[in-house]
Amino acid sequence: MTTSTSPSKPALSLGPVYYLWDGPKWRDFYFRIADEAPIAHVTIGEAVCSKRLHFIEPHVGEVIERLESAGKEVSLASLALVTLERESQLVRGLVRDSTYPIEANDLSALHLLAGRPHSVGPLVNVYNGATARLLASRGATSICLPPELPMASVRGIIKDNPGLAFEIFAFGRVPLAISARCAHARSKGLIKDNCQFICGEDTDGLTVETLDRQPFLALNGVQTMSHTCQALMQELPELAAAGVSRIRLSPQDCDMVAVAEIYGDAIAGRRAIDESLARLESVYPGVPFSNGFHHGQTGAAWVKVPASLAIPAA
């Protein structure tokens, strides 16, 4: 006699803050995540611009202590783009000195982490099962797949790599590109070397419009992001069935504790998907949601998924 088992429900994780928030705001954000959010794993650190590090460095120790005291697993993010010797030394020091797992967001970090257990962030291009196997052979224990991957690719990569944990970028503006130049500073008449940390004025990104005045992208220092917020809520049953281990939320300048509670309720089946989406819109108003990449369409598109695919109640 055989019995069927339903797929385990994925846990919630929180990615690093991509934006420039001042030190106290950054600290208090994670304190509240520690105390109130139903999140199992948190990645902290500066992934976008090394010049921002001095804002958060004084608070890293107390943030880690608070998160661990609340039972959260903690990882440290590496930079997504290394262009200077100073940045190279920062990454080397992080890998050498950290007693916490590292999330690699750049190939230079992957080289340094070879043979040591680590995770791979969504800024590394893992587009097929063979790449995931190679990374696992070099020490990767989990991979957050790039947010632009369609579900068909996600399913195939997971199937080809049993035993490797996979994470999906399910909420947040999609990180699209990163550059050695700072378009954010240039848009305000400054240059990267004398940026005056102008990106700190736009704590949720600076909207970029087309010539027709339609919101198109968002600038975040040297990073280019989507204007829309990826919201994989309807897709949670499919992701769970495929074997996804963690659902990643990317911090936006909104009530992320509420966002985590909404996703947690949806995953557990305590609320219907449509109701969860309506709640999510009220928490992060004014930013359109998208899920086009997941469905093999234009990234900014919104695809309606039949309500019959809702996660069954626990």
Protein backbone atom coordinates (compact mmCIF):
# COMPACT_ATOMS: atom_id res chain seq x y z
CA MET A 1 0.00 0.00 0.00
CA THR A 2 1.40 3.40 -0.94
CA THR A 3 0.53 6.77 0.48
CA SER A 4 0.99 10.12 -1.22
CA THR A 5 2.61 13.00 0.55
CA SER A 6 1.85 16.63 -0.12
CA PRO A 7 4.77 18.96 -0.74
CA SER A 8 6.13 20.71 2.33
CA LYS A 9 5.25 24.36 2.62
CA PRO A 10 8.16 26.71 1.93
CA ALA A 11 9.55 28.98 4.64
CA LEU A 12 9.79 32.76 4.36
CA SER A 13 13.10 34.54 3.95
CA LEU A 14 14.10 38.19 3.74
CA GLY A 15 16.73 39.46 1.34
CA PRO A 16 19.10 42.37 2.00
CA VAL A 17 17.92 45.97 1.84
CA TYR A 18 18.96 47.18 -1.62
CA TYR A 19 18.23 50.86 -0.92
CA LEU A 20 20.21 53.43 1.03
CA TRP A 21 18.48 53.84 4.38
CA ASP A 22 20.20 55.77 7.15
CA GLY A 23 21.72 53.69 9.92
CA PRO A 24 19.00 54.04 12.56
CA LYS A 25 16.24 53.30 10.05
CA TRP A 26 18.12 50.24 8.80
CA ARG A 27 18.70 49.02 12.37
CA ASP A 28 15.12 49.60 13.51
CA PHE A 29 13.79 47.87 10.42
CA TYR A 30 15.61 44.66 11.32
CA PHE A 31 14.77 44.99 15.00
CA ARG A 32 11.09 44.93 14.07
CA ILE A 33 11.63 42.03 11.66
CA ALA A 34 13.27 40.13 14.51
CA ASP A 35 10.48 40.85 16.97
CA GLU A 36 7.38 40.58 14.79
CA ALA A 37 7.87 38.98 11.35
CA PRO A 38 7.20 35.27 10.67
CA ILE A 39 10.46 34.98 8.73
CA ALA A 40 12.87 32.07 9.19
CA HIS A 41 15.96 33.33 7.38
CA VAL A 42 17.35 36.87 6.95
CA THR A 43 20.19 38.04 4.71
CA ILE A 44 21.71 41.36 5.70
CA GLY A 45 24.54 43.53 4.38
CA GLU A 46 25.31 45.86 1.48
CA ALA A 47 24.98 44.32 -1.97
CA VAL A 48 24.61 47.41 -4.18
CA CYS A 49 27.21 50.10 -3.38
CA SER A 50 30.26 49.82 -1.13
CA LYS A 51 30.07 53.55 -0.33
CA ARG A 52 26.93 52.88 1.68
CA LEU A 53 28.63 50.50 4.10
CA HIS A 54 29.53 53.12 6.68
CA PHE A 55 25.81 53.81 7.25
CA ILE A 56 25.09 50.26 8.40
CA GLU A 57 28.42 48.98 9.77
CA PRO A 58 27.92 50.45 13.27
CA HIS A 59 24.66 48.52 13.61
CA VAL A 60 25.46 45.13 12.06
CA GLY A 61 26.48 43.46 15.32
CA GLU A 62 23.38 44.47 17.26
CA VAL A 63 21.11 43.60 14.34
CA ILE A 64 22.56 40.09 14.09
CA GLU A 65 22.24 39.62 17.84
CA ARG A 66 18.60 40.71 17.79
CA LEU A 67 17.76 38.47 14.82
CA GLU A 68 19.46 35.44 16.34
CA SER A 69 17.80 36.02 19.70
CA ALA A 70 14.48 35.82 17.85
CA GLY A 71 15.43 32.48 16.30
CA LYS A 72 16.19 33.75 12.79
CA GLU A 73 18.97 32.26 10.67
CA VAL A 74 21.33 34.98 9.42
CA SER A 75 23.47 35.24 6.28
CA LEU A 76 25.68 38.10 5.09
CA ALA A 77 25.42 39.42 1.52
CA SER A 78 28.44 40.12 -0.66
CA LEU A 79 28.65 42.99 -3.15
CA ALA A 80 27.01 42.48 -6.52
CA LEU A 81 29.72 44.32 -8.49
CA VAL A 82 33.40 44.67 -7.58
CA THR A 83 35.21 47.37 -9.56
CA LEU A 84 37.83 48.75 -7.15
CA GLU A 85 40.71 47.23 -5.19
CA ARG A 86 39.06 48.55 -2.03
CA GLU A 87 35.91 46.59 -2.88
CA SER A 88 37.96 43.49 -3.65
CA GLN A 89 39.51 43.73 -0.20
CA LEU A 90 36.07 44.17 1.35
CA VAL A 91 34.82 40.95 -0.21
CA ARG A 92 37.99 39.07 0.72
CA GLY A 93 37.68 40.28 4.29
CA LEU A 94 34.02 39.30 4.47
CA VAL A 95 34.76 35.76 3.28
CA ARG A 96 37.85 35.42 5.46
CA ASP A 97 36.46 36.80 8.71
CA SER A 98 32.75 36.03 8.77
CA THR A 99 31.48 33.35 11.12
CA TYR A 100 28.12 33.52 9.33
CA PRO A 101 27.17 31.99 5.98
CA ILE A 102 27.84 34.23 3.00
CA GLU A 103 25.38 34.90 0.18
CA ALA A 104 27.40 35.35 -3.00
CA ASN A 105 26.05 38.01 -5.35
CA ASP A 106 29.05 38.13 -7.69
CA LEU A 107 31.38 35.63 -9.35
CA SER A 108 34.37 37.02 -7.46
CA ALA A 109 32.75 35.96 -4.19
CA LEU A 110 31.95 32.54 -5.63
CA HIS A 111 35.64 32.06 -6.40
CA LEU A 112 36.62 32.93 -2.83
CA LEU A 113 33.93 30.71 -1.33
CA ALA A 114 34.81 27.59 -3.33
CA GLY A 115 34.79 24.54 -1.06
CA ARG A 116 33.04 26.37 1.77
CA PRO A 117 29.27 26.12 2.43
CA HIS A 118 27.50 29.24 1.15
CA SER A 119 24.37 30.43 -0.60
CA VAL A 120 23.95 32.06 -4.00
CA GLY A 121 21.87 35.21 -4.35
CA PRO A 122 19.42 36.22 -7.09
CA LEU A 123 21.95 38.56 -8.73
CA VAL A 124 24.01 35.60 -9.98
CA ASN A 125 22.78 34.22 -13.31
CA VAL A 126 21.72 30.63 -12.63
CA TYR A 127 19.67 29.81 -15.71
CA ASN A 128 19.89 26.01 -15.96
CA GLY A 129 20.34 22.84 -13.99
CA ALA A 130 23.95 22.34 -15.05
CA THR A 131 24.96 25.71 -13.57
CA ALA A 132 23.18 24.87 -10.31
CA ARG A 133 25.00 21.49 -10.15
CA LEU A 134 28.35 23.18 -10.72
CA LEU A 135 27.69 25.69 -7.95
CA ALA A 136 26.58 22.92 -5.60
CA SER A 137 29.78 20.98 -6.33
CA ARG A 138 31.74 24.05 -5.23
CA GLY A 139 29.93 24.42 -1.92
CA ALA A 140 26.58 26.11 -2.59
CA THR A 141 23.89 24.75 -0.28
CA SER A 142 21.05 26.98 -1.51
CA ILE A 143 20.35 29.16 -4.52
CA CYS A 144 17.92 32.05 -4.88
CA LEU A 145 17.07 31.81 -8.56
CA PRO A 146 17.06 34.99 -10.68
CA PRO A 147 13.64 36.68 -10.62
CA GLU A 148 13.42 36.81 -14.42
CA LEU A 149 13.25 33.01 -14.78
CA PRO A 150 9.94 31.54 -16.03
CA MET A 151 8.35 28.77 -13.99
CA ALA A 152 9.23 26.13 -16.60
CA SER A 153 12.93 26.84 -16.01
CA VAL A 154 12.48 26.95 -12.23
CA ARG A 155 10.79 23.56 -12.26
CA GLY A 156 13.48 22.03 -14.47
CA ILE A 157 16.38 23.36 -12.39
CA ILE A 158 14.87 22.07 -9.15
CA LYS A 159 14.12 18.67 -10.70
CA ASP A 160 17.71 18.36 -11.92
CA ASN A 161 19.15 19.13 -8.48
CA PRO A 162 17.48 17.04 -5.75
CA GLY A 163 18.90 17.81 -2.34
CA LEU A 164 19.82 21.41 -3.19
CA ALA A 165 17.64 24.10 -1.57
CA PHE A 166 16.09 26.71 -3.85
CA GLU A 167 14.64 30.10 -3.05
CA ILE A 168 12.33 32.25 -5.19
CA PHE A 169 12.21 36.07 -5.33
CA ALA A 170 8.50 36.53 -4.65
CA PHE A 171 8.08 40.15 -3.53
CA GLY A 172 9.86 43.38 -4.39
CA ARG A 173 11.06 45.55 -7.23
CA VAL A 174 13.05 43.30 -9.53
CA PRO A 175 16.82 43.97 -9.64
CA LEU A 176 17.53 44.19 -13.38
CA ALA A 177 21.07 45.53 -13.79
CA ILE A 178 24.01 47.04 -11.96
CA SER A 179 26.65 49.38 -13.34
CA ALA A 180 30.02 50.86 -12.47
CA ARG A 181 28.43 54.26 -13.14
CA CYS A 182 25.71 55.86 -11.03
CA ALA A 183 22.74 56.97 -13.12
CA HIS A 184 20.95 58.00 -9.93
CA ALA A 185 23.64 60.60 -9.16
CA ARG A 186 23.81 61.76 -12.78
CA SER A 187 20.04 62.30 -12.85
CA LYS A 188 20.51 64.87 -10.08
CA GLY A 189 23.52 66.63 -11.57
CA LEU A 190 26.16 64.77 -9.57
CA ILE A 191 28.83 62.17 -10.27
CA LYS A 192 29.53 58.86 -8.57
CA ASP A 193 32.75 60.02 -6.88
CA ASN A 194 30.91 63.00 -5.36
CA CYS A 195 27.39 61.63 -5.18
CA GLN A 196 26.65 63.12 -1.75
CA PHE A 197 24.65 59.92 -1.15
CA ILE A 198 21.79 61.49 -3.08
CA CYS A 199 20.15 58.07 -3.52
CA GLY A 200 19.26 58.25 0.17
CA GLU A 201 16.56 60.76 -0.77
CA ASP A 202 14.71 58.00 -2.64
CA THR A 203 14.28 55.27 -0.06
CA ASP A 204 12.19 53.13 -2.40
CA GLY A 205 13.95 53.99 -5.66
CA LEU A 206 13.71 56.90 -8.13
CA THR A 207 11.06 56.41 -10.80
CA VAL A 208 12.22 56.60 -14.42
CA GLU A 209 9.60 57.59 -16.99
CA THR A 210 9.41 57.07 -20.73
CA LEU A 211 9.11 60.03 -23.13
CA ASP A 212 5.35 59.51 -22.83
CA ARG A 213 5.58 60.06 -19.04
CA GLN A 214 4.85 56.44 -18.23
CA PRO A 215 6.67 54.92 -15.22
CA PHE A 216 9.16 52.42 -16.59
CA LEU A 217 12.06 51.64 -14.24
CA ALA A 218 13.43 52.68 -10.87
CA LEU A 219 16.97 53.86 -10.15
CA ASN A 220 18.70 52.83 -6.95
CA GLY A 221 22.20 54.25 -7.01
CA VAL A 222 24.20 52.11 -9.45
CA GLN A 223 21.35 49.61 -9.65
CA THR A 224 18.45 49.60 -12.11
CA MET A 225 15.22 48.02 -10.89
CA SER A 226 11.73 47.45 -12.21
CA HIS A 227 9.08 50.07 -11.56
CA THR A 228 6.61 47.30 -10.79
CA CYS A 229 6.81 45.10 -7.73
CA GLN A 230 7.04 41.39 -8.43
CA ALA A 231 4.32 39.73 -6.37
CA LEU A 232 4.22 35.95 -6.70
CA MET A 233 1.20 35.30 -4.55
CA GLN A 234 -1.10 33.40 -6.90
CA GLU A 235 1.87 31.21 -7.82
CA LEU A 236 2.63 29.98 -4.30
CA PRO A 237 0.88 26.59 -4.73
CA GLU A 238 2.85 25.89 -7.90
CA LEU A 239 6.13 26.90 -6.28
CA ALA A 240 5.47 24.71 -3.26
CA ALA A 241 4.59 21.75 -5.49
CA ALA A 242 7.84 22.23 -7.42
CA GLY A 243 9.86 21.87 -4.23
CA VAL A 244 10.87 25.47 -3.53
CA SER A 245 12.36 25.66 -0.03
CA ARG A 246 12.05 29.37 0.67
CA ILE A 247 9.99 32.30 -0.54
CA ARG A 248 12.10 35.48 -0.56
CA LEU A 249 10.72 38.90 0.25
CA SER A 250 12.89 41.84 -0.82
CA PRO A 251 12.62 44.85 1.53
CA GLN A 252 10.70 47.83 0.17
CA ASP A 253 9.93 51.06 2.01
CA CYS A 254 6.62 49.78 3.34
CA ASP A 255 5.42 47.67 6.27
CA MET A 256 7.43 44.52 5.59
CA VAL A 257 6.16 42.84 8.76
CA ALA A 258 2.66 43.07 7.29
CA VAL A 259 3.95 41.78 3.94
CA ALA A 260 5.53 38.79 5.71
CA GLU A 261 2.31 38.08 7.61
CA ILE A 262 0.31 38.20 4.38
CA TYR A 263 2.62 35.74 2.63
CA GLY A 264 2.75 33.54 5.70
CA ASP A 265 -1.04 33.36 5.88
CA ALA A 266 -1.26 32.55 2.16
CA ILE A 267 1.35 29.80 2.36
CA ALA A 268 -0.35 28.24 5.39
CA GLY A 269 -3.76 28.41 3.72
CA ARG A 270 -5.24 30.68 6.38
CA ARG A 271 -6.44 33.20 3.79
CA ALA A 272 -7.53 32.93 0.16
CA ILE A 273 -5.11 34.13 -2.50
CA ASP A 274 -7.40 36.92 -3.74
CA GLU A 275 -7.85 38.23 -0.22
CA SER A 276 -4.10 38.09 0.35
CA LEU A 277 -3.46 40.09 -2.82
CA ALA A 278 -5.97 42.74 -1.77
CA ARG A 279 -4.24 43.05 1.60
CA LEU A 280 -0.86 43.28 -0.12
CA GLU A 281 -2.07 46.14 -2.32
CA SER A 282 -3.20 48.06 0.77
CA VAL A 283 0.22 47.64 2.40
CA TYR A 284 2.21 48.73 -0.67
CA PRO A 285 -0.10 51.18 -2.47
CA GLY A 286 0.81 53.12 -5.59
CA VAL A 287 3.17 50.50 -7.00
CA PRO A 288 1.70 48.13 -9.61
CA PHE A 289 2.28 44.42 -9.14
CA SER A 290 3.74 42.18 -11.81
CA ASN A 291 4.39 38.48 -12.39
CA GLY A 292 5.10 38.41 -16.11
CA PHE A 293 8.57 36.88 -15.89
CA HIS A 294 7.19 33.89 -13.99
CA HIS A 295 4.70 33.22 -16.78
CA GLY A 296 7.15 33.69 -19.65
CA GLN A 297 5.78 37.10 -20.58
CA THR A 298 6.97 40.70 -20.36
CA GLY A 299 8.26 41.21 -16.85
CA ALA A 300 5.95 44.15 -16.10
CA ALA A 301 2.83 42.18 -17.08
CA TRP A 302 0.22 41.00 -14.61
CA VAL A 303 -1.20 37.53 -15.31
CA LYS A 304 -4.35 36.46 -13.49
CA VAL A 305 -4.16 32.90 -12.17
CA PRO A 306 -7.41 30.94 -11.57
CA ALA A 307 -8.53 31.14 -7.94
CA SER A 308 -9.05 27.35 -7.98
CA LEU A 309 -5.27 26.97 -7.64
CA ALA A 310 -5.32 28.44 -4.10
CA ILE A 311 -3.34 26.60 -1.46
CA PRO A 312 -5.60 24.23 0.47
CA ALA A 313 -6.14 25.04 4.10
CA ALA A 314 -3.79 23.32 6.54
